[in-house]
C-alpha atoms as a PDB file:
ATOM      1  CA  UNK A   1      33.571  40.136   9.812  1.00  0.00           C
ATOM      2  CA  UNK A   2      34.063  38.424   6.439  1.00  0.00           C
ATOM      3  CA  UNK A   3      34.511  35.105   8.194  1.00  0.00           C
ATOM      4  CA  UNK A   4      31.271  35.585  10.112  1.00  0.00           C
ATOM      5  CA  UNK A   5      29.397  36.463   6.906  1.00  0.00           C
ATOM      6  CA  UNK A   6      30.832  33.426   5.136  1.00  0.00           C
ATOM      7  CA  UNK A   7      29.875  31.209   8.062  1.00  0.00           C
ATOM      8  CA  UNK A   8      26.280  32.528   8.060  1.00  0.00           C
ATOM      9  CA  UNK A   9      25.984  31.914   4.302  1.00  0.00           C
ATOM     10  CA  UNK A  10      27.262  28.347   4.691  1.00  0.00           C
ATOM     11  CA  UNK A  11      24.857  27.602   7.536  1.00  0.00           C
ATOM     12  CA  UNK A  12      21.830  28.965   5.660  1.00  0.00           C
ATOM     13  CA  UNK A  13      22.799  27.179   2.418  1.00  0.00           C
ATOM     14  CA  UNK A  14      23.247  23.867   4.232  1.00  0.00           C
ATOM     15  CA  UNK A  15      19.679  24.092   5.501  1.00  0.00           C
ATOM     16  CA  UNK A  16      18.383  24.639   1.972  1.00  0.00           C
ATOM     17  CA  UNK A  17      20.362  21.731   0.581  1.00  0.00           C
ATOM     18  CA  UNK A  18      19.043  19.425   3.315  1.00  0.00           C
ATOM     19  CA  UNK A  19      15.440  20.483   2.544  1.00  0.00           C
ATOM     20  CA  UNK A  20      15.900  19.769  -1.157  1.00  0.00           C
ATOM     21  CA  UNK A  21      17.432  16.393  -0.326  1.00  0.00           C
ATOM     22  CA  UNK A  22      14.405  15.474   1.781  1.00  0.00           C
ATOM     23  CA  UNK A  23      12.136  15.866  -1.240  1.00  0.00           C
ATOM     24  CA  UNK A  24      14.315  13.667  -3.457  1.00  0.00           C
ATOM     25  CA  UNK A  25      12.155  10.720  -2.407  1.00  0.00           C
ATOM     26  CA  UNK A  26       8.983  12.329  -3.819  1.00  0.00           C
ATOM     27  CA  UNK A  27       7.508  10.813  -6.983  1.00  0.00           C
ATOM     28  CA  UNK A  28       6.558   7.470  -8.424  1.00  0.00           C
ATOM     29  CA  UNK A  29       8.483   4.292  -7.554  1.00  0.00           C
ATOM     30  CA  UNK A  30       8.189   0.799  -9.080  1.00  0.00           C
ATOM     31  CA  UNK A  31       8.693  -2.029  -6.590  1.00  0.00           C
ATOM     32  CA  UNK A  32      11.495  -4.561  -6.970  1.00  0.00           C
ATOM     33  CA  UNK A  33       9.012  -7.237  -8.073  1.00  0.00           C
ATOM     34  CA  UNK A  34       7.484  -4.750 -10.557  1.00  0.00           C
ATOM     35  CA  UNK A  35       4.016  -5.581  -9.259  1.00  0.00           C
ATOM     36  CA  UNK A  36       2.956  -2.111  -8.111  1.00  0.00           C
ATOM     37  CA  UNK A  37       3.847   1.578  -8.239  1.00  0.00           C
ATOM     38  CA  UNK A  38       3.865   3.768  -5.135  1.00  0.00           C
ATOM     39  CA  UNK A  39       3.594   7.561  -5.192  1.00  0.00           C
ATOM     40  CA  UNK A  40       5.618   9.083  -2.348  1.00  0.00           C
ATOM     41  CA  UNK A  41       4.482  12.503  -1.182  1.00  0.00           C
ATOM     42  CA  UNK A  42       5.008  14.865   1.755  1.00  0.00           C
ATOM     43  CA  UNK A  43       2.248  15.647   4.236  1.00  0.00           C
ATOM     44  CA  UNK A  44       2.568  17.664   7.423  1.00  0.00           C
ATOM     45  CA  UNK A  45       6.359  17.325   7.564  1.00  0.00           C
ATOM     46  CA  UNK A  46       6.324  13.556   7.003  1.00  0.00           C
ATOM     47  CA  UNK A  47       6.451  11.319   3.945  1.00  0.00           C
ATOM     48  CA  UNK A  48       3.801   8.831   2.875  1.00  0.00           C
ATOM     49  CA  UNK A  49       3.385   6.515  -0.091  1.00  0.00           C
ATOM     50  CA  UNK A  50       0.214   5.223  -1.708  1.00  0.00           C
ATOM     51  CA  UNK A  51      -0.366   2.526  -4.318  1.00  0.00           C
ATOM     52  CA  UNK A  52      -1.239   4.129  -7.649  1.00  0.00           C
ATOM     53  CA  UNK A  53      -0.824   1.167 -10.044  1.00  0.00           C
ATOM     54  CA  UNK A  54      -1.080  -2.595  -9.701  1.00  0.00           C
ATOM     55  CA  UNK A  55       0.032  -5.156 -12.272  1.00  0.00           C
ATOM     56  CA  UNK A  56      -2.778  -7.463 -11.111  1.00  0.00           C
ATOM     57  CA  UNK A  57      -5.504  -5.069  -9.960  1.00  0.00           C
ATOM     58  CA  UNK A  58      -8.398  -7.575  -9.933  1.00  0.00           C
ATOM     59  CA  UNK A  59      -9.153 -10.367  -7.496  1.00  0.00           C
ATOM     60  CA  UNK A  60     -10.184 -13.931  -8.496  1.00  0.00           C
ATOM     61  CA  UNK A  61     -13.775 -12.743  -9.023  1.00  0.00           C
ATOM     62  CA  UNK A  62     -12.751  -9.983 -11.424  1.00  0.00           C
ATOM     63  CA  UNK A  63     -13.411  -7.258  -8.825  1.00  0.00           C
ATOM     64  CA  UNK A  64     -10.942  -4.502  -7.887  1.00  0.00           C
ATOM     65  CA  UNK A  65      -8.410  -5.776  -5.363  1.00  0.00           C
ATOM     66  CA  UNK A  66      -9.234  -4.876  -1.762  1.00  0.00           C
ATOM     67  CA  UNK A  67      -7.241  -4.828   1.488  1.00  0.00           C
ATOM     68  CA  UNK A  68      -8.866  -8.079   2.692  1.00  0.00           C
ATOM     69  CA  UNK A  69      -6.004  -9.136   4.997  1.00  0.00           C
ATOM     70  CA  UNK A  70      -6.044  -5.965   7.115  1.00  0.00           C
ATOM     71  CA  UNK A  71      -6.257  -6.653  10.880  1.00  0.00           C
ATOM     72  CA  UNK A  72      -8.956  -3.966  11.138  1.00  0.00           C
ATOM     73  CA  UNK A  73     -12.230  -5.357   9.778  1.00  0.00           C
ATOM     74  CA  UNK A  74     -13.588  -1.942   8.774  1.00  0.00           C
ATOM     75  CA  UNK A  75     -10.593  -1.452   6.440  1.00  0.00           C
ATOM     76  CA  UNK A  76     -10.931  -4.738   4.569  1.00  0.00           C
ATOM     77  CA  UNK A  77     -13.245  -3.203   1.970  1.00  0.00           C
ATOM     78  CA  UNK A  78     -10.763  -0.440   1.016  1.00  0.00           C
ATOM     79  CA  UNK A  79      -9.358  -0.622  -2.493  1.00  0.00           C
ATOM     80  CA  UNK A  80      -5.623  -1.379  -2.717  1.00  0.00           C
ATOM     81  CA  UNK A  81      -5.209   1.337  -5.358  1.00  0.00           C
ATOM     82  CA  UNK A  82      -5.091   4.502  -3.274  1.00  0.00           C
ATOM     83  CA  UNK A  83      -4.024   2.659  -0.133  1.00  0.00           C
ATOM     84  CA  UNK A  84      -1.191   4.215   1.919  1.00  0.00           C
ATOM     85  CA  UNK A  85       1.558   1.607   2.298  1.00  0.00           C
ATOM     86  CA  UNK A  86       4.383   3.918   3.444  1.00  0.00           C
ATOM     87  CA  UNK A  87       3.525   5.815   6.608  1.00  0.00           C
ATOM     88  CA  UNK A  88       5.041   8.598   8.761  1.00  0.00           C
ATOM     89  CA  UNK A  89       8.601   8.770   7.453  1.00  0.00           C
ATOM     90  CA  UNK A  90      10.686  11.715   8.684  1.00  0.00           C
ATOM     91  CA  UNK A  91      13.867  12.940   7.019  1.00  0.00           C
ATOM     92  CA  UNK A  92      17.025  12.939   9.150  1.00  0.00           C
ATOM     93  CA  UNK A  93      20.663  13.095   8.015  1.00  0.00           C
ATOM     94  CA  UNK A  94      20.063  11.851   4.467  1.00  0.00           C
ATOM     95  CA  UNK A  95      17.703   8.998   5.472  1.00  0.00           C
ATOM     96  CA  UNK A  96      13.940   8.788   5.875  1.00  0.00           C
ATOM     97  CA  UNK A  97      13.422   7.136   9.278  1.00  0.00           C
ATOM     98  CA  UNK A  98      10.862   6.189  11.874  1.00  0.00           C
ATOM     99  CA  UNK A  99       8.328   5.132   9.257  1.00  0.00           C
ATOM    100  CA  UNK A 100       6.277   2.033   8.657  1.00  0.00           C
ATOM    101  CA  UNK A 101       5.502  -0.060   5.640  1.00  0.00           C
ATOM    102  CA  UNK A 102       2.192  -1.861   5.338  1.00  0.00           C
ATOM    103  CA  UNK A 103       2.232  -5.028   3.268  1.00  0.00           C
ATOM    104  CA  UNK A 104      -1.323  -5.392   1.986  1.00  0.00           C
ATOM    105  CA  UNK A 105      -0.426  -8.858   0.614  1.00  0.00           C
ATOM    106  CA  UNK A 106       0.075 -10.197   4.165  1.00  0.00           C
ATOM    107  CA  UNK A 107      -1.656  -7.608   6.374  1.00  0.00           C
ATOM    108  CA  UNK A 108       1.594  -7.003   8.280  1.00  0.00           C
ATOM    109  CA  UNK A 109       3.114  -3.674   9.317  1.00  0.00           C
ATOM    110  CA  UNK A 110       6.874  -3.294   9.657  1.00  0.00           C
ATOM    111  CA  UNK A 111       9.109  -0.514  10.906  1.00  0.00           C
ATOM    112  CA  UNK A 112      11.084   0.871   8.008  1.00  0.00           C
ATOM    113  CA  UNK A 113      13.618   3.316   6.716  1.00  0.00           C
ATOM    114  CA  UNK A 114      14.366   4.640   3.246  1.00  0.00           C
ATOM    115  CA  UNK A 115      17.655   5.521   1.610  1.00  0.00           C
ATOM    116  CA  UNK A 116      18.568   6.585  -1.896  1.00  0.00           C
ATOM    117  CA  UNK A 117      21.667   4.932  -3.320  1.00  0.00           C
ATOM    118  CA  UNK A 118      24.248   6.476  -5.647  1.00  0.00           C
ATOM    119  CA  UNK A 119      22.294   5.298  -8.703  1.00  0.00           C
ATOM    120  CA  UNK A 120      19.070   6.972  -7.540  1.00  0.00           C
ATOM    121  CA  UNK A 121      17.419   3.715  -6.538  1.00  0.00           C
ATOM    122  CA  UNK A 122      15.233   3.752  -3.433  1.00  0.00           C
ATOM    123  CA  UNK A 123      16.338   1.250  -0.803  1.00  0.00           C
ATOM    124  CA  UNK A 124      13.464   0.376   1.533  1.00  0.00           C
ATOM    125  CA  UNK A 125      14.384  -1.654   4.599  1.00  0.00           C
ATOM    126  CA  UNK A 126      11.635  -3.214   6.664  1.00  0.00           C
ATOM    127  CA  UNK A 127      12.183  -4.791  10.080  1.00  0.00           C
ATOM    128  CA  UNK A 128      10.415  -5.771  13.333  1.00  0.00           C
ATOM    129  CA  UNK A 129      10.811  -3.511  16.348  1.00  0.00           C
ATOM    130  CA  UNK A 130      14.352  -2.193  16.646  1.00  0.00           C
ATOM    131  CA  UNK A 131      15.986  -5.159  14.914  1.00  0.00           C
ATOM    132  CA  UNK A 132      16.919  -3.180  11.785  1.00  0.00           C
ATOM    133  CA  UNK A 133      20.051  -5.310  11.307  1.00  0.00           C
ATOM    134  CA  UNK A 134      17.767  -8.307  10.695  1.00  0.00           C
ATOM    135  CA  UNK A 135      15.632  -6.420   8.224  1.00  0.00           C
ATOM    136  CA  UNK A 136      15.089  -7.053   4.550  1.00  0.00           C
ATOM    137  CA  UNK A 137      15.914  -4.415   1.962  1.00  0.00           C
ATOM    138  CA  UNK A 138      14.051  -4.004  -1.328  1.00  0.00           C
ATOM    139  CA  UNK A 139      15.238  -1.786  -4.160  1.00  0.00           C
ATOM    140  CA  UNK A 140      12.637   0.337  -5.937  1.00  0.00           C
ATOM    141  CA  UNK A 141      13.184   2.138  -9.251  1.00  0.00           C
ATOM    142  CA  UNK A 142      12.079   5.691 -10.026  1.00  0.00           C
ATOM    143  CA  UNK A 143       9.333   5.732 -12.676  1.00  0.00           C
ATOM    144  CA  UNK A 144      10.407   8.000 -15.513  1.00  0.00           C
ATOM    145  CA  UNK A 145       7.801   6.971 -18.071  1.00  0.00           C
ATOM    146  CA  UNK A 146       4.505   7.555 -16.243  1.00  0.00           C
ATOM    147  CA  UNK A 147       2.481   6.826 -19.386  1.00  0.00           C
ATOM    148  CA  UNK A 148       3.712   3.215 -19.249  1.00  0.00           C
ATOM    149  CA  UNK A 149       1.655   2.779 -16.045  1.00  0.00           C
ATOM    150  CA  UNK A 150      -1.240   5.071 -17.014  1.00  0.00           C
ATOM    151  CA  UNK A 151      -0.080   7.761 -14.570  1.00  0.00           C
ATOM    152  CA  UNK A 152      -0.350  11.505 -15.051  1.00  0.00           C
END
């Protein structure tokens, strides 16, 4: 009986730990090139990320930067600040998988996965199709001083 109780406690605790781990990705992340900050947030059981700060937020005409390279013409007028660039990630076994990253600088969408390394850095790997082994990994840093980027 004690063994069964202990086993039930372990199983229920493991589920709680996994849920907390899934939310470790939430928050503000500075890209490797330090040119923009993305806020990652949960929505309907998936994780998304939107641009909340840009180092160069104006275009050559002094206007706010827009998503001009988007394949969909009706989206080309959308502002880059507020644009979702991480889409539909699901948490599975310590990794956020089955997501996509949208590169507003090229208009391309890539399949992607997210890991957190031992130092707390976010490792974002983008790749075409199922060729994850040919992907490119970028390391993003957690933003701890939000005031530095005018974030609340």
